[in-house]
Structure formats: structure tokens, C-alpha cells
Amino acid sequence: MIVGLAIVTAATVALQTSAATLYVSQSSPNPTPPYSTPETAAHNIQDAVDVATGGDTVLVAPGDYGVTNQINVTNAVRLQSTDGASQTFLTGNAVINQGLWCLAISNALAIADGFTLRRGTEDPGGAILVGGTIQNCNFTNFYNSYGSLVMSGGTVSNVIVAYIRQPGGNAVSCSDSGLITDSRILCTAAIANGTGVSLVNSRLQNSVISGGPNAGPSRGVAVAAISSTVVGCTISNNFNEGKGGGAYLQDSLMDRCIVTGNTAAYGAPGYGGGGIFETNSVIRNSLVVANGSTIASGDPTYGGYGGGVYMQGGALVNCTVSENSAFSFPDAPGAGGGIYVEGNGTVTNSIIYFNTLSTDSSSSNWFNAGPGVFDHCCTAPDPGGAGNLTQDPQFLDLANGNSHLASSSPCIDAGTNQPWMAGARDLDGNSRISSASVDMGAYEAPPASMLSIIHSGSNVILRWPSAGTPGLVLQQSSDLTALESWTPNTAPVTDDGTNKSITIPATNNILLFRLRSP
């Protein structure tokens, strides 16, 4: 036993002492391997990275580090700036057609943290990531033809990508179960074709993607997702002459997203979708607002199709699609100012209202090219199907961009519950079902106050609904700061079938009440 303990202790000590900190500074007086002090810090990053081994940290002082032969990180090293991305620059003077990037990471445990990567005298790519993590970094003014960021697996977190759309390619490419989270991908200039974010078998979440709004020669979808997941994102202000102004989804899931201010041209059946063009994908809990599908340049034969969403199969579930538009002319007809449905597309629990088509009011909100199905939706005219409403959904303040439901909305509790809703959240992050039935649209209306207090002479009546409250216990306390002070109220409960209530004497003391599962 003693020998075994000695072996474990030795291994532990070796593990604890193996990780080292190495330094990089352009102003160090005596750069000397292994660069273990600020005074002996390496002058360039690659020298320190080459000396570092698994578990080591390479700390980089502020400065502009010109990159002519890409920085290669092949070990499980943490490459970190001391003062953040605003002070530490990797300026690319390498050439991408020679296969060079500013930064290349090929170890699943490697981390790069706190740099600004930018285009210099040449046109390199930004970073290529095969596993590993890039976080708290900026990518500035790379052409998307070369790529700001290419990922095969790995994680990118809290980065800002400001790219130039020229000419073709993807600003960010993510495949093989890669994750992009809490980031901003922004088109700063749109000169030619190109895609903002391309996903294949990957995930994009909690991010903002703002595309290129220019018409004419500049086109490309802001987000293209194949067999991927897009969650909690805002996709806005993009122009594409093709499929999807904001997003193109194929065999993918979009959940809790806002898609707004995008435009799709190249009108014809099989093209369009000002906000989203989807094929066999699921869009749910999302707001699709103020997008447009317009005509192509030249002498168009067709108008716009699907101002908000163009569906080829797939499902639109608990979404709000409003204030979108499609252009239609007598000699260039379009269809579906809100949504255009073809194949076996299903539309469920969704609000499609206040959309426009320039010449045909009957399909301002929707057009069903067949055999799409509408189920428990709020739209006009009635598309046929179960549980549909045609009344005004009564948004709180649509003129100022508030698409939440007013308390008098007919869409409250008017949807049909589905298994995925258990534990799911709406666009605001609230529980998807707040009462017996789900609401229509992207937002669940907050439940009315469950517990009310009514003064009655010298007594106080506490009342709560009978429905949906079996097993709840009324508790009381005089001190919110003491959790143990909550105790069950012992007054007898009356149930008239609609409400439960108790009556207790009024008092000058502060008493707090709550309903709680025992």
C-alpha cells in the first residue's frame, strides 16, 4: 500500500509541475528559450508555441504580430493574450492560395483566447480550427472568398467576425459537430457573392448574423444550414438572389430565432423565402418579421414567393410570421406574402398575419401550393384544417415591433400541445406551455396572477383557480429572508368548482402567501 501511494503521489507531483507558462513580448530584452520569464520572452508567437508542451500556457503581451507563415498550434496549449483582443493583433501577411492562415489549430485541447486576427498586406485566411477552441477573438476585414474562420469540429465562443463579401465562399465554415456560440458575424461590405455562415452537421447558437443588404451584384444567404441546428440567433439585413434572404435550411432545426429585414430575389417557384427558405426542416418558436421576396433583375417572369418563409416540406411550429411582403404583378405573378407552402409542409400553432402581396390580397398571408396542412393557426383567410382562427391575433404593439400577445388575444391557449413542448422555452425563454394549452405564435402569454387577495370587511379572502392546481398548498410567512418560515396555512379551503378560497381575519401585521407543491 505504501509503495502504491508513493507512485500515485509522484505522478501527481509530476502532473502538477509539468504545466508551464511561457511568454511572448516584442519588447523583451533577452529572448531566450524556454521563454519562461517576461525578460526572456520570445519576440514571435511561433517560437514560444514550438517550445510549449501539453498543458502549457503561452502568454502574449500587447502588440501587432505580423504573420507571414501562419501560427501552428499542434499541442494542447493555451495561447492567450494578456490584455485582450483590443490590444493584441495577428496581422496576416501570408497568402491564402499558398495554404496559409493567420492561425491554425489542430489539437482538440488547444485554446486561443483574446486576439484580433486581421488582413494585412496580403490576403490570408483568418483561422483554421480542427478541434480546439477559439474564444474572445475578433476577425477583421477578411474576404469571405478566403474565409475568416474554417472549423472542423471544435468550439468558437464570443467572437466577432467582420467580413467583406467578395467574391464567393463562406466567411465562416463550420462542419463535423462544430459549435459557434455567443458570437457576432457581420458583413461590413458587400461587393460580390458569398455566404455569411455555412453549417454542416454543426450548431450555431445565441449569435447575431447580419448580412450584406446590397442588391445588384452582391448576393448570398446569411446562414446556410445542412443537417444542423440554429438556436437563439438573430439573422438580419441580408440580400440574396436565390433561396432564402436570411437563412437556407436543409434537414435542419431552427429554434427561438428572430429573422428580420432580409430580402430574397430571383422570383420563381422553387426560389424565394425573404426570411427563410427551408427544405425538410423544422422552424419553431421563432419570429419572422419584415422580410421580403421580390423580383429578379432583368425582365422577370415571376414575382416573389414566400415573403417570410418558403417551405418545401418541413414544419413551421409556434412561429409568428408578420409584416413580410412579396411582390406580384399581372405579368410576373408571385404568391404568399407571409408563407409559401409546397410539398408536405405542415404549419402548426403559428400566427401568419398582417403580411402583404402587392396584387392579390387573398394570398397576402399564405399560399398553399399543396399538399400543405395548417393546424391550429391564426391567419386569414381560413386555410382549412383543425383549430384555425381568422381573427386579429391582437399583438401588444405591432407598430413598435412588439409581437407579444395582448391579454385579450384569441391565440392564448388556442394551440395544440405536442410532446417536444415538455420543458421547452418560447422565444423569450419562458415555459412553452404556461397553462393547459399552448399559445399560438412565438411568445407564450404570461399567465394571469394565480393567487388574488380580496378584502371583505374585517376578513381577507385568498382565491386561486380550481383548474390546474391539484396538490398545490397555500403557504404563509412573515419573513421573506427566512426560507424555513414558510408554513402551510391551516384555514379550511372552499372549492366552488371554479375557484378555491380561504377566509382569514385581517391583521395589521405583514403576511405573505404563496401556492407551492408540497
Protein backbone atom coordinates (compact mmCIF):
# COMPACT_ATOMS: atom_id res chain seq x y z
CA MET A 1 0.00 0.00 0.00
CA ILE A 2 2.81 2.41 0.82
CA VAL A 3 4.55 1.77 -2.49
CA GLY A 4 1.30 2.32 -4.38
CA LEU A 5 0.73 5.57 -2.54
CA ALA A 6 4.24 6.75 -3.34
CA ILE A 7 3.71 6.05 -7.05
CA VAL A 8 0.43 7.96 -7.15
CA THR A 9 1.95 10.91 -5.28
CA ALA A 10 4.93 11.07 -7.62
CA ALA A 11 2.69 11.01 -10.65
CA THR A 12 0.57 13.75 -9.14
CA VAL A 13 3.58 15.94 -8.45
CA ALA A 14 4.85 15.37 -11.98
CA LEU A 15 1.49 16.34 -13.41
CA GLN A 16 1.30 19.47 -11.28
CA THR A 17 4.79 20.65 -12.22
CA SER A 18 4.63 19.77 -15.93
CA ALA A 19 2.43 22.74 -16.93
CA ALA A 20 4.50 25.84 -17.58
CA THR A 21 3.88 29.46 -18.54
CA LEU A 22 5.81 30.81 -21.49
CA TYR A 23 5.97 34.46 -22.54
CA VAL A 24 5.87 36.41 -25.78
CA SER A 25 6.71 40.11 -25.98
CA GLN A 26 8.09 42.17 -28.82
CA SER A 27 10.00 44.30 -26.32
CA SER A 28 11.67 41.63 -24.16
CA PRO A 29 15.39 42.44 -23.71
CA ASN A 30 16.72 38.89 -23.91
CA PRO A 31 14.56 36.38 -25.85
CA THR A 32 15.85 33.02 -24.69
CA PRO A 33 14.23 29.56 -24.74
CA PRO A 34 12.24 28.28 -22.94
CA TYR A 35 10.87 31.86 -22.63
CA SER A 36 9.91 31.27 -19.02
CA THR A 37 10.06 34.90 -17.81
CA PRO A 38 8.89 38.22 -19.26
CA GLU A 39 12.56 39.26 -19.57
CA THR A 40 13.37 36.22 -21.72
CA ALA A 41 10.09 36.26 -23.65
CA ALA A 42 10.06 35.23 -27.30
CA HIS A 43 9.69 38.00 -29.85
CA ASN A 44 7.34 35.99 -32.06
CA ILE A 45 4.50 33.70 -31.11
CA GLN A 46 5.53 30.61 -33.06
CA ASP A 47 8.86 30.34 -31.21
CA ALA A 48 7.08 30.05 -27.85
CA VAL A 49 4.37 27.73 -29.20
CA ASP A 50 7.05 25.38 -30.58
CA VAL A 51 8.64 25.07 -27.14
CA ALA A 52 5.33 24.63 -25.29
CA THR A 53 4.02 21.18 -24.46
CA GLY A 54 0.60 19.87 -23.47
CA GLY A 55 -0.94 21.86 -20.62
CA ASP A 56 1.34 24.87 -21.03
CA THR A 57 0.12 28.46 -21.35
CA VAL A 58 1.68 30.91 -23.78
CA LEU A 59 1.03 34.48 -22.63
CA VAL A 60 1.28 37.11 -25.35
CA ALA A 61 1.90 40.77 -24.47
CA PRO A 62 0.14 43.56 -26.38
CA GLY A 63 1.44 44.30 -29.86
CA ASP A 64 0.96 43.81 -33.58
CA TYR A 65 2.41 40.46 -34.54
CA GLY A 66 2.85 40.20 -38.29
CA VAL A 67 2.15 36.70 -39.59
CA THR A 68 3.94 35.63 -42.76
CA ASN A 69 3.95 31.87 -42.24
CA GLN A 70 0.88 31.11 -40.10
CA ILE A 71 0.99 30.22 -36.42
CA ASN A 72 0.59 26.46 -35.97
CA VAL A 73 -0.71 25.11 -32.67
CA THR A 74 -0.44 21.32 -32.63
CA ASN A 75 -0.18 20.63 -28.88
CA ALA A 76 -2.72 21.07 -26.08
CA VAL A 77 -1.55 24.63 -25.44
CA ARG A 78 -3.45 27.67 -24.21
CA LEU A 79 -2.45 30.65 -26.35
CA GLN A 80 -3.68 33.74 -24.53
CA SER A 81 -3.17 37.48 -24.75
CA THR A 82 -2.57 39.36 -21.52
CA ASP A 83 -4.61 42.44 -22.46
CA GLY A 84 -7.32 41.10 -24.77
CA ALA A 85 -8.23 41.38 -28.43
CA SER A 86 -8.24 45.17 -28.50
CA GLN A 87 -4.51 45.25 -27.74
CA THR A 88 -3.13 42.12 -29.39
CA PHE A 89 -3.15 41.67 -33.17
CA LEU A 90 -2.27 38.85 -35.54
CA THR A 91 -1.91 40.68 -38.84
CA GLY A 92 -1.94 38.36 -41.82
CA ASN A 93 0.80 38.95 -44.35
CA ALA A 94 0.62 35.37 -45.63
CA VAL A 95 -1.06 34.30 -48.87
CA ILE A 96 -4.10 32.01 -48.73
CA ASN A 97 -3.50 30.45 -52.13
CA GLN A 98 -0.33 29.06 -50.62
CA GLY A 99 -2.48 27.35 -48.00
CA LEU A 100 -1.63 29.84 -45.25
CA TRP A 101 -3.74 31.31 -42.46
CA CYS A 102 -3.03 33.65 -39.59
CA LEU A 103 -3.68 30.84 -37.10
CA ALA A 104 -4.04 27.07 -37.44
CA ILE A 105 -5.12 24.87 -34.51
CA SER A 106 -5.09 21.09 -34.83
CA ASN A 107 -5.35 19.86 -31.25
CA ALA A 108 -8.73 19.24 -29.62
CA LEU A 109 -7.49 20.63 -26.28
CA ALA A 110 -5.79 23.74 -27.62
CA ILE A 111 -7.26 27.18 -26.87
CA ALA A 112 -6.69 30.59 -28.45
CA ASP A 113 -8.04 33.45 -26.32
CA GLY A 114 -8.07 37.20 -26.79
CA PHE A 115 -6.67 38.16 -30.22
CA THR A 116 -7.70 40.27 -33.19
CA LEU A 117 -6.90 38.50 -36.44
CA ARG A 118 -6.88 40.82 -39.44
CA ARG A 119 -5.90 41.09 -43.06
CA GLY A 120 -2.56 42.81 -43.69
CA THR A 121 -0.51 43.35 -46.83
CA GLU A 122 -1.66 40.07 -48.38
CA ASP A 123 -4.93 38.13 -48.43
CA PRO A 124 -4.67 35.24 -45.97
CA GLY A 125 -7.44 33.38 -44.25
CA GLY A 126 -8.19 34.13 -40.62
CA ALA A 127 -8.06 30.85 -38.69
CA ILE A 128 -8.49 27.17 -39.39
CA LEU A 129 -9.65 25.06 -36.45
CA VAL A 130 -9.60 21.27 -36.34
CA GLY A 131 -10.91 20.63 -32.85
CA GLY A 132 -9.88 23.01 -30.10
CA THR A 133 -11.36 26.34 -29.05
CA ILE A 134 -11.17 29.94 -30.18
CA GLN A 135 -12.74 32.44 -27.79
CA ASN A 136 -12.88 36.18 -27.13
CA CYS A 137 -11.34 36.95 -30.50
CA ASN A 138 -12.05 39.34 -33.39
CA PHE A 139 -11.69 38.66 -37.12
CA THR A 140 -11.47 41.84 -39.16
CA ASN A 141 -11.84 42.53 -42.89
CA PHE A 142 -11.08 39.11 -44.32
CA TYR A 143 -12.62 38.36 -47.68
CA ASN A 144 -15.11 35.54 -47.41
CA SER A 145 -13.63 34.04 -50.56
CA TYR A 146 -10.65 33.13 -48.37
CA GLY A 147 -12.56 32.71 -45.13
CA SER A 148 -12.37 34.41 -41.77
CA LEU A 149 -12.79 31.09 -39.99
CA VAL A 150 -12.94 27.46 -41.06
CA MET A 151 -13.88 24.84 -38.46
CA SER A 152 -13.91 21.07 -38.48
CA GLY A 153 -15.28 20.32 -35.05
CA GLY A 154 -14.17 22.48 -32.16
CA THR A 155 -15.81 25.46 -30.47
CA VAL A 156 -15.88 29.15 -31.26
CA SER A 157 -17.22 31.36 -28.47
CA ASN A 158 -17.66 35.10 -28.05
CA VAL A 159 -16.01 36.12 -31.30
CA ILE A 160 -16.75 38.99 -33.67
CA VAL A 161 -16.30 38.31 -37.37
CA ALA A 162 -16.46 41.45 -39.54
CA TYR A 163 -16.04 40.27 -43.13
CA ILE A 164 -16.11 41.59 -46.69
CA ARG A 165 -18.43 39.69 -49.02
CA GLN A 166 -16.27 39.21 -52.11
CA PRO A 167 -16.16 37.10 -54.27
CA GLY A 168 -17.85 33.85 -53.24
CA GLY A 169 -17.12 31.40 -50.45
CA ASN A 170 -18.09 31.49 -46.78
CA ALA A 171 -17.00 33.95 -44.12
CA VAL A 172 -17.39 31.18 -41.53
CA SER A 173 -17.50 27.47 -42.40
CA CYS A 174 -18.38 25.00 -39.65
CA SER A 175 -18.64 21.23 -40.04
CA ASP A 176 -18.21 17.94 -38.18
CA SER A 177 -20.14 18.80 -34.99
CA GLY A 178 -18.56 22.21 -34.57
CA LEU A 179 -20.17 24.76 -32.26
CA ILE A 180 -20.41 28.53 -32.75
CA THR A 181 -21.87 30.29 -29.74
CA ASP A 182 -22.39 33.81 -28.35
CA SER A 183 -20.81 35.42 -31.38
CA ARG A 184 -21.45 38.12 -33.98
CA ILE A 185 -20.87 37.59 -37.69
CA LEU A 186 -21.23 40.89 -39.55
CA CYS A 187 -20.87 41.80 -43.20
CA THR A 188 -19.11 45.18 -43.36
CA ALA A 189 -19.13 45.49 -47.16
CA ALA A 190 -20.99 43.55 -49.85
CA ILE A 191 -19.17 43.64 -53.17
CA ALA A 192 -19.85 40.22 -54.69
CA ASN A 193 -21.41 36.84 -53.87
CA GLY A 194 -20.81 34.90 -50.68
CA THR A 195 -22.33 33.27 -47.59
CA GLY A 196 -22.04 34.52 -44.04
CA VAL A 197 -22.13 31.26 -42.04
CA SER A 198 -22.16 27.79 -43.58
CA LEU A 199 -23.07 24.89 -41.28
CA VAL A 200 -22.87 21.17 -41.99
CA ASN A 201 -23.68 18.80 -39.12
CA SER A 202 -22.98 21.63 -36.68
CA ARG A 203 -24.63 24.07 -34.27
CA LEU A 204 -24.97 27.86 -34.23
CA GLN A 205 -26.47 29.36 -31.07
CA ASN A 206 -27.04 32.64 -29.24
CA SER A 207 -25.44 34.68 -32.00
CA VAL A 208 -26.16 37.63 -34.27
CA ILE A 209 -25.65 37.31 -38.02
CA SER A 210 -26.04 40.48 -40.05
CA GLY A 211 -25.55 40.02 -43.76
CA GLY A 212 -24.97 42.15 -46.82
CA PRO A 213 -28.02 44.26 -47.69
CA ASN A 214 -26.82 45.41 -51.13
CA ALA A 215 -28.78 44.33 -54.17
CA GLY A 216 -27.27 44.04 -57.62
CA PRO A 217 -24.06 42.05 -57.95
CA SER A 218 -23.82 41.14 -54.26
CA ARG A 219 -25.79 38.10 -53.17
CA GLY A 220 -25.59 35.18 -50.78
CA VAL A 221 -27.56 33.83 -47.83
CA ALA A 222 -26.59 34.95 -44.32
CA VAL A 223 -26.87 31.43 -42.81
CA ALA A 224 -26.84 28.17 -44.78
CA ALA A 225 -27.50 25.11 -42.61
CA ILE A 226 -27.46 21.48 -43.70
CA SER A 227 -28.26 18.81 -41.10
CA SER A 228 -27.55 21.42 -38.43
CA THR A 229 -29.15 23.34 -35.57
CA VAL A 230 -29.62 27.10 -35.28
CA VAL A 231 -30.87 28.24 -31.85
CA GLY A 232 -31.37 31.61 -30.20
CA CYS A 233 -29.99 33.66 -33.10
CA THR A 234 -30.91 36.91 -34.84
CA ILE A 235 -30.47 36.87 -38.62
CA SER A 236 -30.98 40.24 -40.26
CA ASN A 237 -30.42 42.69 -43.12
CA ASN A 238 -29.24 40.33 -45.82
CA PHE A 239 -29.90 40.20 -49.56
CA ASN A 240 -29.75 37.02 -51.61
CA GLU A 241 -30.78 36.35 -55.16
CA GLY A 242 -31.78 32.73 -54.71
CA LYS A 243 -33.13 30.51 -51.93
CA GLY A 244 -33.58 32.37 -48.66
CA GLY A 245 -32.89 36.02 -47.99
CA GLY A 246 -31.79 35.40 -44.40
CA ALA A 247 -31.43 31.65 -43.95
CA TYR A 248 -31.39 28.49 -46.03
CA LEU A 249 -32.24 25.34 -44.06
CA GLN A 250 -31.98 21.77 -45.29
CA ASP A 251 -32.77 18.89 -42.93
CA SER A 252 -32.14 21.27 -40.04
CA LEU A 253 -33.74 22.72 -36.91
CA MET A 254 -34.21 26.42 -36.19
CA ASP A 255 -35.49 27.25 -32.70
CA ARG A 256 -36.11 30.55 -30.88
CA CYS A 257 -34.68 32.78 -33.59
CA ILE A 258 -35.55 36.24 -34.92
CA VAL A 259 -35.30 36.63 -38.70
CA THR A 260 -35.88 40.20 -39.87
CA GLY A 261 -35.09 42.71 -42.58
CA ASN A 262 -33.91 40.19 -45.19
CA THR A 263 -34.71 40.06 -48.91
CA ALA A 264 -34.77 37.24 -51.45
CA ALA A 265 -34.94 37.90 -55.19
CA TYR A 266 -34.89 35.62 -58.25
CA GLY A 267 -38.63 35.07 -58.12
CA ALA A 268 -39.91 31.71 -59.34
CA PRO A 269 -41.44 28.62 -57.77
CA GLY A 270 -38.57 26.85 -56.03
CA TYR A 271 -36.89 30.15 -55.10
CA GLY A 272 -37.68 32.94 -52.68
CA GLY A 273 -38.32 32.96 -48.95
CA GLY A 274 -37.42 36.50 -47.93
CA GLY A 275 -36.68 35.42 -44.38
CA ILE A 276 -36.14 31.67 -44.67
CA PHE A 277 -36.12 29.02 -47.38
CA GLU A 278 -36.43 25.57 -45.83
CA THR A 279 -36.37 22.03 -47.18
CA ASN A 280 -37.48 19.24 -44.82
CA SER A 281 -36.56 21.35 -41.81
CA VAL A 282 -38.31 22.40 -38.59
CA ILE A 283 -38.70 26.05 -37.60
CA ARG A 284 -40.24 26.66 -34.21
CA ASN A 285 -40.64 29.34 -31.53
CA SER A 286 -39.33 31.93 -33.97
CA LEU A 287 -40.29 35.43 -35.12
CA VAL A 288 -40.12 36.07 -38.87
CA VAL A 289 -40.89 39.72 -39.44
CA ALA A 290 -40.38 42.48 -42.05
CA ASN A 291 -38.71 40.33 -44.71
CA GLY A 292 -39.46 40.43 -48.42
CA SER A 293 -39.42 38.33 -51.57
CA THR A 294 -39.03 40.41 -54.69
CA ILE A 295 -38.45 40.05 -58.41
CA ALA A 296 -35.20 39.17 -60.08
CA SER A 297 -33.20 41.67 -62.08
CA GLY A 298 -33.76 41.96 -65.81
CA ASP A 299 -37.14 41.01 -67.33
CA PRO A 300 -38.74 38.74 -64.70
CA THR A 301 -41.28 36.06 -65.49
CA TYR A 302 -42.31 35.57 -61.87
CA GLY A 303 -42.77 37.74 -58.81
CA GLY A 304 -41.76 36.93 -55.25
CA TYR A 305 -42.65 33.73 -53.40
CA GLY A 306 -42.87 33.46 -49.63
CA GLY A 307 -42.10 36.90 -48.23
CA GLY A 308 -41.44 35.42 -44.80
CA VAL A 309 -40.90 31.69 -45.32
CA TYR A 310 -40.75 29.37 -48.33
CA MET A 311 -41.49 25.81 -47.23
CA GLN A 312 -40.57 22.66 -49.17
CA GLY A 313 -41.94 20.06 -46.80
CA GLY A 314 -40.81 20.52 -43.22
CA ALA A 315 -42.70 22.17 -40.38
CA LEU A 316 -43.39 25.66 -39.08
CA VAL A 317 -44.39 25.34 -35.42
CA ASN A 318 -45.28 28.03 -32.90
CA CYS A 319 -43.92 30.82 -35.05
CA THR A 320 -45.07 34.39 -35.62
CA VAL A 321 -44.81 35.47 -39.27
CA SER A 322 -45.85 39.10 -39.71
CA GLU A 323 -45.23 42.24 -41.78
CA ASN A 324 -43.48 40.33 -44.54
CA SER A 325 -44.17 41.03 -48.20
CA ALA A 326 -43.94 39.51 -51.66
CA PHE A 327 -44.17 41.33 -54.98
CA SER A 328 -46.60 40.21 -57.62
CA PHE A 329 -47.50 41.75 -60.97
CA PRO A 330 -50.01 40.77 -63.65
CA ASP A 331 -47.22 39.69 -65.98
CA ALA A 332 -44.95 38.42 -63.18
CA PRO A 333 -47.14 36.72 -60.56
CA GLY A 334 -45.94 35.91 -57.06
CA ALA A 335 -47.60 34.23 -54.09
CA GLY A 336 -47.58 34.08 -50.31
CA GLY A 337 -46.68 37.38 -48.69
CA GLY A 338 -46.24 35.56 -45.37
CA ILE A 339 -45.51 31.94 -46.26
CA TYR A 340 -45.47 29.78 -49.38
CA VAL A 341 -46.05 26.07 -48.73
CA GLU A 342 -45.37 23.19 -51.07
CA GLY A 343 -44.74 19.51 -50.65
CA ASN A 344 -45.93 18.05 -47.36
CA GLY A 345 -45.22 21.16 -45.31
CA THR A 346 -47.12 21.48 -42.02
CA VAL A 347 -47.91 24.73 -40.26
CA THR A 348 -48.94 24.35 -36.61
CA ASN A 349 -49.69 26.74 -33.74
CA SER A 350 -48.43 29.65 -35.82
CA ILE A 351 -49.63 33.19 -36.39
CA ILE A 352 -49.39 34.34 -40.02
CA TYR A 353 -50.95 37.76 -40.10
CA PHE A 354 -50.50 41.33 -41.42
CA ASN A 355 -48.36 40.23 -44.37
CA THR A 356 -48.82 41.67 -47.85
CA LEU A 357 -48.80 40.64 -51.50
CA SER A 358 -48.75 43.55 -53.91
CA THR A 359 -51.62 42.43 -56.17
CA ASP A 360 -53.55 39.58 -54.54
CA SER A 361 -54.91 40.10 -51.04
CA SER A 362 -56.26 36.54 -50.86
CA SER A 363 -52.73 35.14 -50.55
CA SER A 364 -51.20 38.03 -48.64
CA ASN A 365 -50.63 35.82 -45.62
CA TRP A 366 -50.25 32.37 -47.13
CA PHE A 367 -50.29 30.34 -50.30
CA ASN A 368 -50.64 26.56 -50.25
CA ALA A 369 -49.30 25.00 -53.43
CA GLY A 370 -50.23 21.63 -51.95
CA PRO A 371 -50.46 19.40 -50.10
CA GLY A 372 -49.53 21.54 -47.07
CA VAL A 373 -51.51 21.27 -43.81
CA PHE A 374 -52.49 24.12 -41.46
CA ASP A 375 -53.33 23.05 -37.90
CA HIS A 376 -54.34 25.40 -35.07
CA CYS A 377 -53.09 28.55 -36.77
CA CYS A 378 -54.20 32.17 -36.73
CA THR A 379 -54.32 33.52 -40.28
CA ALA A 380 -56.71 34.83 -42.91
CA PRO A 381 -58.38 33.65 -44.98
CA ASP A 382 -59.08 30.30 -43.37
CA PRO A 383 -56.63 27.78 -44.91
CA GLY A 384 -58.70 24.78 -43.84
CA GLY A 385 -57.65 22.33 -41.18
CA ALA A 386 -58.31 21.83 -37.47
CA GLY A 387 -58.43 24.57 -34.90
CA ASN A 388 -57.63 27.55 -37.14
CA LEU A 389 -58.61 31.13 -36.29
CA THR A 390 -59.08 34.07 -38.62
CA GLN A 391 -59.46 36.83 -36.00
CA ASP A 392 -56.90 39.57 -35.42
CA PRO A 393 -54.26 37.97 -33.14
CA GLN A 394 -54.09 41.19 -31.07
CA PHE A 395 -50.38 41.85 -30.77
CA LEU A 396 -49.46 44.21 -27.96
CA ASP A 397 -47.88 46.91 -30.16
CA LEU A 398 -47.08 45.76 -33.69
CA ALA A 399 -46.36 49.31 -34.87
CA ASN A 400 -43.41 49.43 -32.50
CA GLY A 401 -42.25 45.89 -33.09
CA ASN A 402 -43.95 44.18 -30.16
CA SER A 403 -45.47 40.89 -31.34
CA HIS A 404 -46.33 39.57 -27.88
CA LEU A 405 -49.97 38.70 -27.33
CA ALA A 406 -52.34 41.05 -25.56
CA SER A 407 -54.24 39.50 -22.67
CA SER A 408 -57.40 39.52 -24.81
CA SER A 409 -55.81 37.69 -27.75
CA PRO A 410 -57.79 34.77 -29.15
CA CYS A 411 -54.46 32.97 -29.69
CA ILE A 412 -53.92 32.41 -25.97
CA ASP A 413 -54.45 28.72 -25.04
CA ALA A 414 -55.63 28.10 -28.63
CA GLY A 415 -52.82 25.84 -29.82
CA THR A 416 -52.40 22.09 -29.73
CA ASN A 417 -49.85 20.59 -27.35
CA GLN A 418 -47.01 18.46 -28.73
CA PRO A 419 -44.51 16.18 -26.95
CA TRP A 420 -41.47 18.39 -27.64
CA MET A 421 -43.01 21.18 -25.55
CA ALA A 422 -42.28 19.46 -22.23
CA GLY A 423 -39.51 21.57 -20.72
CA ALA A 424 -39.22 23.70 -23.88
CA ARG A 425 -39.00 27.50 -23.93
CA ASP A 426 -40.63 30.15 -26.06
CA LEU A 427 -38.77 32.97 -27.83
CA ASP A 428 -38.48 34.93 -24.56
CA GLY A 429 -37.11 31.92 -22.71
CA ASN A 430 -40.31 31.35 -20.75
CA SER A 431 -42.02 27.98 -20.41
CA ARG A 432 -43.59 27.00 -23.73
CA ILE A 433 -46.82 26.00 -22.00
CA SER A 434 -47.98 28.27 -19.18
CA SER A 435 -51.48 26.83 -18.73
CA ALA A 436 -53.49 23.89 -20.01
CA SER A 437 -52.84 24.54 -23.73
CA VAL A 438 -50.00 26.17 -25.60
CA ASP A 439 -50.50 29.62 -27.11
CA MET A 440 -50.21 30.23 -30.83
CA GLY A 441 -47.15 32.09 -32.04
CA ALA A 442 -43.56 32.51 -30.87
CA TYR A 443 -44.40 34.00 -27.48
CA GLU A 444 -46.31 32.41 -24.63
CA ALA A 445 -48.52 34.95 -22.86
CA PRO A 446 -47.69 35.23 -19.16
CA PRO A 447 -50.30 33.52 -17.01
CA ALA A 448 -52.70 35.69 -15.12
CA SER A 449 -51.89 36.09 -11.46
CA MET A 450 -52.94 32.80 -9.90
CA LEU A 451 -53.39 33.98 -6.34
CA SER A 452 -55.59 37.01 -5.59
CA ILE A 453 -56.31 38.76 -2.29
CA ILE A 454 -59.69 40.39 -1.64
CA HIS A 455 -60.60 42.50 1.40
CA SER A 456 -64.02 41.67 2.81
CA GLY A 457 -64.94 43.67 5.93
CA SER A 458 -62.71 42.53 8.77
CA ASN A 459 -61.55 39.50 6.80
CA VAL A 460 -59.26 38.76 3.84
CA ILE A 461 -60.20 36.24 1.14
CA LEU A 462 -57.42 34.47 -0.77
CA ARG A 463 -58.62 32.94 -4.05
CA TRP A 464 -56.98 30.80 -6.76
CA PRO A 465 -58.28 28.75 -9.73
CA SER A 466 -59.55 25.22 -9.17
CA ALA A 467 -58.31 24.04 -12.58
CA GLY A 468 -54.65 23.15 -12.89
CA THR A 469 -53.87 23.43 -9.17
CA PRO A 470 -54.40 19.96 -7.69
CA GLY A 471 -51.90 19.26 -4.96
CA LEU A 472 -50.84 22.89 -4.51
CA VAL A 473 -50.62 24.01 -0.91
CA LEU A 474 -51.22 27.56 0.32
CA GLN A 475 -48.30 28.64 2.49
CA GLN A 476 -47.71 31.77 4.54
CA SER A 477 -44.73 33.61 6.01
CA SER A 478 -43.91 36.88 7.73
CA ASP A 479 -40.25 36.94 6.66
CA LEU A 480 -39.06 36.53 3.04
CA THR A 481 -35.43 36.24 4.13
CA ALA A 482 -36.05 33.03 6.10
CA LEU A 483 -36.92 30.11 3.85
CA GLU A 484 -37.82 27.94 6.80
CA SER A 485 -40.50 30.42 7.87
CA TRP A 486 -42.94 29.29 5.16
CA THR A 487 -45.63 27.13 6.74
CA PRO A 488 -48.90 25.66 5.43
CA ASN A 489 -51.96 27.78 6.08
CA THR A 490 -54.42 25.77 8.16
CA ALA A 491 -57.63 27.63 7.32
CA PRO A 492 -60.30 25.45 5.63
CA VAL A 493 -60.34 25.60 1.81
CA THR A 494 -63.61 26.12 -0.06
CA ASP A 495 -63.87 24.91 -3.68
CA ASP A 496 -66.86 26.07 -5.75
CA GLY A 497 -65.65 24.26 -8.89
CA THR A 498 -64.20 27.42 -10.42
CA ASN A 499 -62.10 28.83 -7.60
CA LYS A 500 -60.65 27.70 -4.34
CA SER A 501 -60.55 30.15 -1.44
CA ILE A 502 -59.89 30.65 2.24
CA THR A 503 -61.09 33.39 4.55
CA ILE A 504 -58.88 34.65 7.37
CA PRO A 505 -59.10 37.63 9.75
CA ALA A 506 -57.36 40.81 8.57
CA THR A 507 -54.34 41.90 10.58
CA ASN A 508 -52.01 44.87 10.85
CA ASN A 509 -49.02 42.54 10.56
CA ILE A 510 -47.35 41.74 7.24
CA LEU A 511 -48.24 38.29 5.97
CA LEU A 512 -47.01 36.78 2.70
CA PHE A 513 -48.75 33.96 0.84
CA ARG A 514 -47.75 31.56 -1.94
CA LEU A 515 -49.00 28.43 -3.69
CA ARG A 516 -46.44 25.67 -3.75
CA SER A 517 -46.13 21.96 -4.43
CA PRO A 518 -45.54 20.16 -1.15
